Amino acid sequence: MSKAIDRLRELLAELEHIQWWRWSSDIAGSEEISEERLARWMSCWRPYEDLPEEVKKQDREWADKVIRVIKKWLQEEVFKDVL
């Protein structure tokens, strides 16, 4: 990956983490979830840069999905008039 794509990947992974943090906090506050799940979630309720690499890897997997969608969209847009 290029440095630009690596940086984009990290930015999107951080955004994914923020979205998940918000979602999981809302769920934890409005629904009954197990104590184990709550403890696991709470251990990740911190800034992206403070997460262990294993957790960051999960966020990066979602970032990679977004990058694939963007790449596909760009390819379609760039070549739509040619095809």
PDB file of N, CA and C in Angstrom:
ATOM      1  N   MET A   1       0.841  -1.190   0.000  1.00  0.00           N
ATOM      2  CA  MET A   1       0.000   0.000   0.000  1.00  0.00           C
ATOM      3  C   MET A   1       0.881   1.246   0.000  1.00  0.00           C
ATOM      4  N   SER A   2       0.379   2.283  -0.631  1.00  0.00           N
ATOM      5  CA  SER A   2       1.107   3.550  -0.622  1.00  0.00           C
ATOM      6  C   SER A   2       0.948   4.216   0.742  1.00  0.00           C
ATOM      7  N   LYS A   3       1.813   5.183   0.994  1.00  0.00           N
ATOM      8  CA  LYS A   3       1.716   5.918   2.263  1.00  0.00           C
ATOM      9  C   LYS A   3       0.376   6.630   2.387  1.00  0.00           C
ATOM     10  N   ALA A   4      -0.120   7.160   1.266  1.00  0.00           N
ATOM     11  CA  ALA A   4      -1.414   7.860   1.291  1.00  0.00           C
ATOM     12  C   ALA A   4      -2.541   6.902   1.642  1.00  0.00           C
ATOM     13  N   ILE A   5      -2.518   5.708   1.053  1.00  0.00           N
ATOM     14  CA  ILE A   5      -3.558   4.708   1.356  1.00  0.00           C
ATOM     15  C   ILE A   5      -3.413   4.227   2.794  1.00  0.00           C
ATOM     16  N   ASP A   6      -2.183   4.055   3.253  1.00  0.00           N
ATOM     17  CA  ASP A   6      -1.967   3.666   4.658  1.00  0.00           C
ATOM     18  C   ASP A   6      -2.552   4.702   5.602  1.00  0.00           C
ATOM     19  N   ARG A   7      -2.338   5.961   5.296  1.00  0.00           N
ATOM     20  CA  ARG A   7      -2.870   7.043   6.146  1.00  0.00           C
ATOM     21  C   ARG A   7      -4.394   7.066   6.095  1.00  0.00           C
ATOM     22  N   LEU A   8      -4.939   6.920   4.891  1.00  0.00           N
ATOM     23  CA  LEU A   8      -6.396   6.860   4.752  1.00  0.00           C
ATOM     24  C   LEU A   8      -6.952   5.685   5.544  1.00  0.00           C
ATOM     25  N   ARG A   9      -6.280   4.547   5.467  1.00  0.00           N
ATOM     26  CA  ARG A   9      -6.718   3.351   6.197  1.00  0.00           C
ATOM     27  C   ARG A   9      -6.778   3.625   7.696  1.00  0.00           C
ATOM     28  N   GLU A  10      -5.768   4.271   8.233  1.00  0.00           N
ATOM     29  CA  GLU A  10      -5.758   4.574   9.666  1.00  0.00           C
ATOM     30  C   GLU A  10      -6.840   5.577  10.034  1.00  0.00           C
ATOM     31  N   LEU A  11      -7.057   6.583   9.187  1.00  0.00           N
ATOM     32  CA  LEU A  11      -8.120   7.558   9.452  1.00  0.00           C
ATOM     33  C   LEU A  11      -9.490   6.886   9.441  1.00  0.00           C
ATOM     34  N   LEU A  12      -9.712   6.015   8.463  1.00  0.00           N
ATOM     35  CA  LEU A  12     -10.997   5.309   8.396  1.00  0.00           C
ATOM     36  C   LEU A  12     -11.148   4.320   9.547  1.00  0.00           C
ATOM     37  N   ALA A  13     -10.074   3.670   9.937  1.00  0.00           N
ATOM     38  CA  ALA A  13     -10.133   2.744  11.076  1.00  0.00           C
ATOM     39  C   ALA A  13     -10.484   3.497  12.357  1.00  0.00           C
ATOM     40  N   GLU A  14      -9.902   4.669  12.521  1.00  0.00           N
ATOM     41  CA  GLU A  14     -10.232   5.489  13.692  1.00  0.00           C
ATOM     42  C   GLU A  14     -11.699   5.904  13.659  1.00  0.00           C
ATOM     43  N   LEU A  15     -12.181   6.308  12.497  1.00  0.00           N
ATOM     44  CA  LEU A  15     -13.593   6.671  12.359  1.00  0.00           C
ATOM     45  C   LEU A  15     -14.489   5.478  12.658  1.00  0.00           C
ATOM     46  N   GLU A  16     -14.127   4.317  12.159  1.00  0.00           N
ATOM     47  CA  GLU A  16     -14.892   3.104  12.447  1.00  0.00           C
ATOM     48  C   GLU A  16     -14.948   2.851  13.943  1.00  0.00           C
ATOM     49  N   HIS A  17     -13.825   3.044  14.616  1.00  0.00           N
ATOM     50  CA  HIS A  17     -13.796   2.835  16.065  1.00  0.00           C
ATOM     51  C   HIS A  17     -14.716   3.824  16.780  1.00  0.00           C
ATOM     52  N   ILE A  18     -14.680   5.068  16.360  1.00  0.00           N
ATOM     53  CA  ILE A  18     -15.548   6.088  16.974  1.00  0.00           C
ATOM     54  C   ILE A  18     -17.013   5.723  16.767  1.00  0.00           C
ATOM     55  N   GLN A  19     -17.348   5.294  15.556  1.00  0.00           N
ATOM     56  CA  GLN A  19     -18.738   4.889  15.284  1.00  0.00           C
ATOM     57  C   GLN A  19     -19.130   3.700  16.149  1.00  0.00           C
ATOM     58  N   TRP A  20     -18.240   2.711  16.224  1.00  0.00           N
ATOM     59  CA  TRP A  20     -18.538   1.539  17.048  1.00  0.00           C
ATOM     60  C   TRP A  20     -18.678   1.956  18.509  1.00  0.00           C
ATOM     61  N   TRP A  21     -17.812   2.791  18.996  1.00  0.00           N
ATOM     62  CA  TRP A  21     -17.845   3.240  20.389  1.00  0.00           C
ATOM     63  C   TRP A  21     -19.196   3.872  20.689  1.00  0.00           C
ATOM     64  N   ARG A  22     -19.650   4.745  19.811  1.00  0.00           N
ATOM     65  CA  ARG A  22     -20.944   5.414  19.991  1.00  0.00           C
ATOM     66  C   ARG A  22     -22.086   4.389  19.981  1.00  0.00           C
ATOM     67  N   TRP A  23     -22.069   3.491  18.984  1.00  0.00           N
ATOM     68  CA  TRP A  23     -23.101   2.468  18.859  1.00  0.00           C
ATOM     69  C   TRP A  23     -23.124   1.569  20.092  1.00  0.00           C
ATOM     70  N   SER A  24     -21.968   1.068  20.495  1.00  0.00           N
ATOM     71  CA  SER A  24     -21.927   0.133  21.628  1.00  0.00           C
ATOM     72  C   SER A  24     -22.322   0.822  22.933  1.00  0.00           C
ATOM     73  N   SER A  25     -21.964   2.074  23.079  1.00  0.00           N
ATOM     74  CA  SER A  25     -22.377   2.828  24.274  1.00  0.00           C
ATOM     75  C   SER A  25     -23.895   2.988  24.314  1.00  0.00           C
ATOM     76  N   ASP A  26     -24.478   3.288  23.155  1.00  0.00           N
ATOM     77  CA  ASP A  26     -25.932   3.421  23.081  1.00  0.00           C
ATOM     78  C   ASP A  26     -26.618   2.099  23.401  1.00  0.00           C
ATOM     79  N   ILE A  27     -26.125   1.017  22.828  1.00  0.00           N
ATOM     80  CA  ILE A  27     -26.702  -0.310  23.089  1.00  0.00           C
ATOM     81  C   ILE A  27     -26.570  -0.663  24.565  1.00  0.00           C
ATOM     82  N   ALA A  28     -25.390  -0.430  25.127  1.00  0.00           N
ATOM     83  CA  ALA A  28     -25.163  -0.759  26.537  1.00  0.00           C
ATOM     84  C   ALA A  28     -26.083   0.039  27.452  1.00  0.00           C
ATOM     85  N   GLY A  29     -26.436   1.252  27.023  1.00  0.00           N
ATOM     86  CA  GLY A  29     -27.300   2.089  27.842  1.00  0.00           C
ATOM     87  C   GLY A  29     -28.783   1.830  27.658  1.00  0.00           C
ATOM     88  N   SER A  30     -29.145   1.121  26.583  1.00  0.00           N
ATOM     89  CA  SER A  30     -30.570   0.955  26.309  1.00  0.00           C
ATOM     90  C   SER A  30     -31.042  -0.501  26.291  1.00  0.00           C
ATOM     91  N   GLU A  31     -30.114  -1.438  26.228  1.00  0.00           N
ATOM     92  CA  GLU A  31     -30.494  -2.848  26.173  1.00  0.00           C
ATOM     93  C   GLU A  31     -29.756  -3.646  27.235  1.00  0.00           C
ATOM     94  N   GLU A  32     -30.329  -4.770  27.555  1.00  0.00           N
ATOM     95  CA  GLU A  32     -29.679  -5.643  28.521  1.00  0.00           C
ATOM     96  C   GLU A  32     -28.668  -6.520  27.789  1.00  0.00           C
ATOM     97  N   ILE A  33     -27.405  -6.375  28.173  1.00  0.00           N
ATOM     98  CA  ILE A  33     -26.353  -7.208  27.585  1.00  0.00           C
ATOM     99  C   ILE A  33     -25.611  -7.909  28.706  1.00  0.00           C
ATOM    100  N   SER A  34     -24.925  -8.960  28.360  1.00  0.00           N
ATOM    101  CA  SER A  34     -24.229  -9.740  29.390  1.00  0.00           C
ATOM    102  C   SER A  34     -23.098  -8.920  30.020  1.00  0.00           C
ATOM    103  N   GLU A  35     -22.771  -9.280  31.228  1.00  0.00           N
ATOM    104  CA  GLU A  35     -21.675  -8.598  31.934  1.00  0.00           C
ATOM    105  C   GLU A  35     -20.353  -8.804  31.204  1.00  0.00           C
ATOM    106  N   GLU A  36     -20.179 -10.003  30.633  1.00  0.00           N
ATOM    107  CA  GLU A  36     -18.948 -10.291  29.898  1.00  0.00           C
ATOM    108  C   GLU A  36     -18.808  -9.379  28.680  1.00  0.00           C
ATOM    109  N   ARG A  37     -19.909  -9.242  27.931  1.00  0.00           N
ATOM    110  CA  ARG A  37     -19.872  -8.375  26.751  1.00  0.00           C
ATOM    111  C   ARG A  37     -19.622  -6.934  27.157  1.00  0.00           C
ATOM    112  N   LEU A  38     -20.307  -6.476  28.187  1.00  0.00           N
ATOM    113  CA  LEU A  38     -20.120  -5.106  28.644  1.00  0.00           C
ATOM    114  C   LEU A  38     -18.666  -4.871  29.051  1.00  0.00           C
ATOM    115  N   ALA A  39     -18.088  -5.810  29.770  1.00  0.00           N
ATOM    116  CA  ALA A  39     -16.689  -5.662  30.194  1.00  0.00           C
ATOM    117  C   ALA A  39     -15.764  -5.626  28.980  1.00  0.00           C
ATOM    118  N   ARG A  40     -16.025  -6.475  27.992  1.00  0.00           N
ATOM    119  CA  ARG A  40     -15.206  -6.502  26.773  1.00  0.00           C
ATOM    120  C   ARG A  40     -15.332  -5.176  26.028  1.00  0.00           C
ATOM    121  N   TRP A  41     -16.574  -4.687  25.885  1.00  0.00           N
ATOM    122  CA  TRP A  41     -16.794  -3.411  25.209  1.00  0.00           C
ATOM    123  C   TRP A  41     -16.125  -2.269  25.961  1.00  0.00           C
ATOM    124  N   MET A  42     -16.317  -2.241  27.269  1.00  0.00           N
ATOM    125  CA  MET A  42     -15.757  -1.143  28.059  1.00  0.00           C
ATOM    126  C   MET A  42     -14.231  -1.092  27.956  1.00  0.00           C
ATOM    127  N   SER A  43     -13.610  -2.246  27.802  1.00  0.00           N
ATOM    128  CA  SER A  43     -12.149  -2.252  27.675  1.00  0.00           C
ATOM    129  C   SER A  43     -11.693  -1.576  26.381  1.00  0.00           C
ATOM    130  N   CYS A  44     -12.607  -1.425  25.440  1.00  0.00           N
ATOM    131  CA  CYS A  44     -12.284  -0.782  24.154  1.00  0.00           C
ATOM    132  C   CYS A  44     -12.842   0.627  24.041  1.00  0.00           C
ATOM    133  N   TRP A  45     -13.515   1.098  25.065  1.00  0.00           N
ATOM    134  CA  TRP A  45     -14.052   2.457  25.044  1.00  0.00           C
ATOM    135  C   TRP A  45     -12.940   3.433  25.418  1.00  0.00           C
ATOM    136  N   ARG A  46     -12.061   3.656  24.458  1.00  0.00           N
ATOM    137  CA  ARG A  46     -10.948   4.575  24.625  1.00  0.00           C
ATOM    138  C   ARG A  46     -10.502   5.023  23.239  1.00  0.00           C
ATOM    139  N   PRO A  47      -9.708   6.061  23.189  1.00  0.00           N
ATOM    140  CA  PRO A  47      -9.271   6.554  21.880  1.00  0.00           C
ATOM    141  C   PRO A  47      -8.564   5.468  21.058  1.00  0.00           C
ATOM    142  N   TYR A  48      -8.716   5.568  19.756  1.00  0.00           N
ATOM    143  CA  TYR A  48      -8.144   4.589  18.835  1.00  0.00           C
ATOM    144  C   TYR A  48      -6.656   4.378  19.089  1.00  0.00           C
ATOM    145  N   GLU A  49      -5.932   5.460  19.265  1.00  0.00           N
ATOM    146  CA  GLU A  49      -4.479   5.333  19.437  1.00  0.00           C
ATOM    147  C   GLU A  49      -4.099   4.567  20.697  1.00  0.00           C
ATOM    148  N   ASP A  50      -5.015   4.442  21.646  1.00  0.00           N
ATOM    149  CA  ASP A  50      -4.740   3.718  22.888  1.00  0.00           C
ATOM    150  C   ASP A  50      -5.160   2.250  22.843  1.00  0.00           C
ATOM    151  N   LEU A  51      -5.716   1.813  21.727  1.00  0.00           N
ATOM    152  CA  LEU A  51      -6.179   0.431  21.614  1.00  0.00           C
ATOM    153  C   LEU A  51      -5.014  -0.523  21.373  1.00  0.00           C
ATOM    154  N   PRO A  52      -5.162  -1.761  21.815  1.00  0.00           N
ATOM    155  CA  PRO A  52      -4.150  -2.763  21.460  1.00  0.00           C
ATOM    156  C   PRO A  52      -4.211  -3.048  19.954  1.00  0.00           C
ATOM    157  N   GLU A  53      -3.112  -3.496  19.391  1.00  0.00           N
ATOM    158  CA  GLU A  53      -3.038  -3.753  17.948  1.00  0.00           C
ATOM    159  C   GLU A  53      -4.108  -4.739  17.481  1.00  0.00           C
ATOM    160  N   GLU A  54      -4.431  -5.724  18.296  1.00  0.00           N
ATOM    161  CA  GLU A  54      -5.432  -6.717  17.897  1.00  0.00           C
ATOM    162  C   GLU A  54      -6.796  -6.062  17.648  1.00  0.00           C
ATOM    163  N   VAL A  55      -7.148  -5.093  18.463  1.00  0.00           N
ATOM    164  CA  VAL A  55      -8.419  -4.387  18.289  1.00  0.00           C
ATOM    165  C   VAL A  55      -8.333  -3.436  17.091  1.00  0.00           C
ATOM    166  N   LYS A  56      -7.211  -2.762  16.945  1.00  0.00           N
ATOM    167  CA  LYS A  56      -7.029  -1.887  15.783  1.00  0.00           C
ATOM    168  C   LYS A  56      -7.160  -2.692  14.491  1.00  0.00           C
ATOM    169  N   LYS A  57      -6.668  -3.911  14.503  1.00  0.00           N
ATOM    170  CA  LYS A  57      -6.742  -4.755  13.313  1.00  0.00           C
ATOM    171  C   LYS A  57      -8.194  -4.950  12.876  1.00  0.00           C
ATOM    172  N   GLN A  58      -9.093  -5.124  13.836  1.00  0.00           N
ATOM    173  CA  GLN A  58     -10.514  -5.289  13.502  1.00  0.00           C
ATOM    174  C   GLN A  58     -11.064  -4.025  12.855  1.00  0.00           C
ATOM    175  N   ASP A  59     -10.691  -2.874  13.369  1.00  0.00           N
ATOM    176  CA  ASP A  59     -11.139  -1.612  12.775  1.00  0.00           C
ATOM    177  C   ASP A  59     -10.544  -1.431  11.381  1.00  0.00           C
ATOM    178  N   ARG A  60      -9.302  -1.849  11.204  1.00  0.00           N
ATOM    179  CA  ARG A  60      -8.661  -1.742   9.885  1.00  0.00           C
ATOM    180  C   ARG A  60      -9.348  -2.631   8.856  1.00  0.00           C
ATOM    181  N   GLU A  61      -9.874  -3.774   9.291  1.00  0.00           N
ATOM    182  CA  GLU A  61     -10.595  -4.642   8.361  1.00  0.00           C
ATOM    183  C   GLU A  61     -11.808  -3.919   7.783  1.00  0.00           C
ATOM    184  N   TRP A  62     -12.510  -3.142   8.612  1.00  0.00           N
ATOM    185  CA  TRP A  62     -13.650  -2.361   8.125  1.00  0.00           C
ATOM    186  C   TRP A  62     -13.185  -1.200   7.261  1.00  0.00           C
ATOM    187  N   ALA A  63     -12.073  -0.604   7.632  1.00  0.00           N
ATOM    188  CA  ALA A  63     -11.515   0.474   6.805  1.00  0.00           C
ATOM    189  C   ALA A  63     -11.157  -0.044   5.420  1.00  0.00           C
ATOM    190  N   ASP A  64     -10.612  -1.252   5.364  1.00  0.00           N
ATOM    191  CA  ASP A  64     -10.259  -1.849   4.067  1.00  0.00           C
ATOM    192  C   ASP A  64     -11.495  -2.052   3.198  1.00  0.00           C
ATOM    193  N   LYS A  65     -12.607  -2.386   3.805  1.00  0.00           N
ATOM    194  CA  LYS A  65     -13.852  -2.539   3.046  1.00  0.00           C
ATOM    195  C   LYS A  65     -14.272  -1.206   2.430  1.00  0.00           C
ATOM    196  N   VAL A  66     -14.140  -0.146   3.190  1.00  0.00           N
ATOM    197  CA  VAL A  66     -14.491   1.177   2.682  1.00  0.00           C
ATOM    198  C   VAL A  66     -13.550   1.565   1.539  1.00  0.00           C
ATOM    199  N   ILE A  67     -12.274   1.287   1.696  1.00  0.00           N
ATOM    200  CA  ILE A  67     -11.306   1.606   0.649  1.00  0.00           C
ATOM    201  C   ILE A  67     -11.626   0.844  -0.629  1.00  0.00           C
ATOM    202  N   ARG A  68     -12.017  -0.422  -0.512  1.00  0.00           N
ATOM    203  CA  ARG A  68     -12.385  -1.197  -1.698  1.00  0.00           C
ATOM    204  C   ARG A  68     -13.590  -0.580  -2.409  1.00  0.00           C
ATOM    205  N   VAL A  69     -14.563  -0.120  -1.640  1.00  0.00           N
ATOM    206  CA  VAL A  69     -15.741   0.526  -2.233  1.00  0.00           C
ATOM    207  C   VAL A  69     -15.333   1.813  -2.936  1.00  0.00           C
ATOM    208  N   ILE A  70     -14.500   2.601  -2.308  1.00  0.00           N
ATOM    209  CA  ILE A  70     -14.048   3.856  -2.915  1.00  0.00           C
ATOM    210  C   ILE A  70     -13.271   3.572  -4.199  1.00  0.00           C
ATOM    211  N   LYS A  71     -12.368   2.601  -4.161  1.00  0.00           N
ATOM    212  CA  LYS A  71     -11.603   2.252  -5.366  1.00  0.00           C
ATOM    213  C   LYS A  71     -12.529   1.818  -6.496  1.00  0.00           C
ATOM    214  N   LYS A  72     -13.508   0.994  -6.178  1.00  0.00           N
ATOM    215  CA  LYS A  72     -14.454   0.527  -7.201  1.00  0.00           C
ATOM    216  C   LYS A  72     -15.230   1.709  -7.768  1.00  0.00           C
ATOM    217  N   TRP A  73     -15.706   2.570  -6.913  1.00  0.00           N
ATOM    218  CA  TRP A  73     -16.459   3.739  -7.358  1.00  0.00           C
ATOM    219  C   TRP A  73     -15.599   4.635  -8.246  1.00  0.00           C
ATOM    220  N   LEU A  74     -14.350   4.864  -7.842  1.00  0.00           N
ATOM    221  CA  LEU A  74     -13.461   5.697  -8.651  1.00  0.00           C
ATOM    222  C   LEU A  74     -13.225   5.083 -10.027  1.00  0.00           C
ATOM    223  N   GLN A  75     -13.017   3.780 -10.062  1.00  0.00           N
ATOM    224  CA  GLN A  75     -12.809   3.105 -11.349  1.00  0.00           C
ATOM    225  C   GLN A  75     -14.039   3.237 -12.236  1.00  0.00           C
ATOM    226  N   GLU A  76     -15.200   3.071 -11.662  1.00  0.00           N
ATOM    227  CA  GLU A  76     -16.430   3.191 -12.445  1.00  0.00           C
ATOM    228  C   GLU A  76     -16.630   4.619 -12.939  1.00  0.00           C
ATOM    229  N   GLU A  77     -16.338   5.592 -12.108  1.00  0.00           N
ATOM    230  CA  GLU A  77     -16.531   6.989 -12.485  1.00  0.00           C
ATOM    231  C   GLU A  77     -15.513   7.426 -13.531  1.00  0.00           C
ATOM    232  N   VAL A  78     -14.284   7.005 -13.384  1.00  0.00           N
ATOM    233  CA  VAL A  78     -13.237   7.405 -14.312  1.00  0.00           C
ATOM    234  C   VAL A  78     -13.493   6.828 -15.699  1.00  0.00           C
ATOM    235  N   PHE A  79     -13.967   5.593 -15.752  1.00  0.00           N
ATOM    236  CA  PHE A  79     -14.138   4.899 -17.028  1.00  0.00           C
ATOM    237  C   PHE A  79     -15.571   4.870 -17.546  1.00  0.00           C
ATOM    238  N   LYS A  80     -16.504   5.482 -16.851  1.00  0.00           N
ATOM    239  CA  LYS A  80     -17.902   5.379 -17.267  1.00  0.00           C
ATOM    240  C   LYS A  80     -18.157   5.984 -18.638  1.00  0.00           C
ATOM    241  N   ASP A  81     -17.449   7.048 -18.993  1.00  0.00           N
ATOM    242  CA  ASP A  81     -17.638   7.676 -20.296  1.00  0.00           C
ATOM    243  C   ASP A  81     -16.895   6.939 -21.409  1.00  0.00           C
ATOM    244  N   VAL A  82     -15.924   6.129 -21.032  1.00  0.00           N
ATOM    245  CA  VAL A  82     -15.128   5.402 -22.005  1.00  0.00           C
ATOM    246  C   VAL A  82     -15.811   4.106 -22.410  1.00  0.00           C
ATOM    247  N   LEU A  83     -16.491   3.481 -21.452  1.00  0.00           N
ATOM    248  CA  LEU A  83     -17.110   2.170 -21.709  1.00  0.00           C
ATOM    249  C   LEU A  83     -18.439   2.265 -22.381  1.00  0.00           C
TER     250      LEU A  83
END
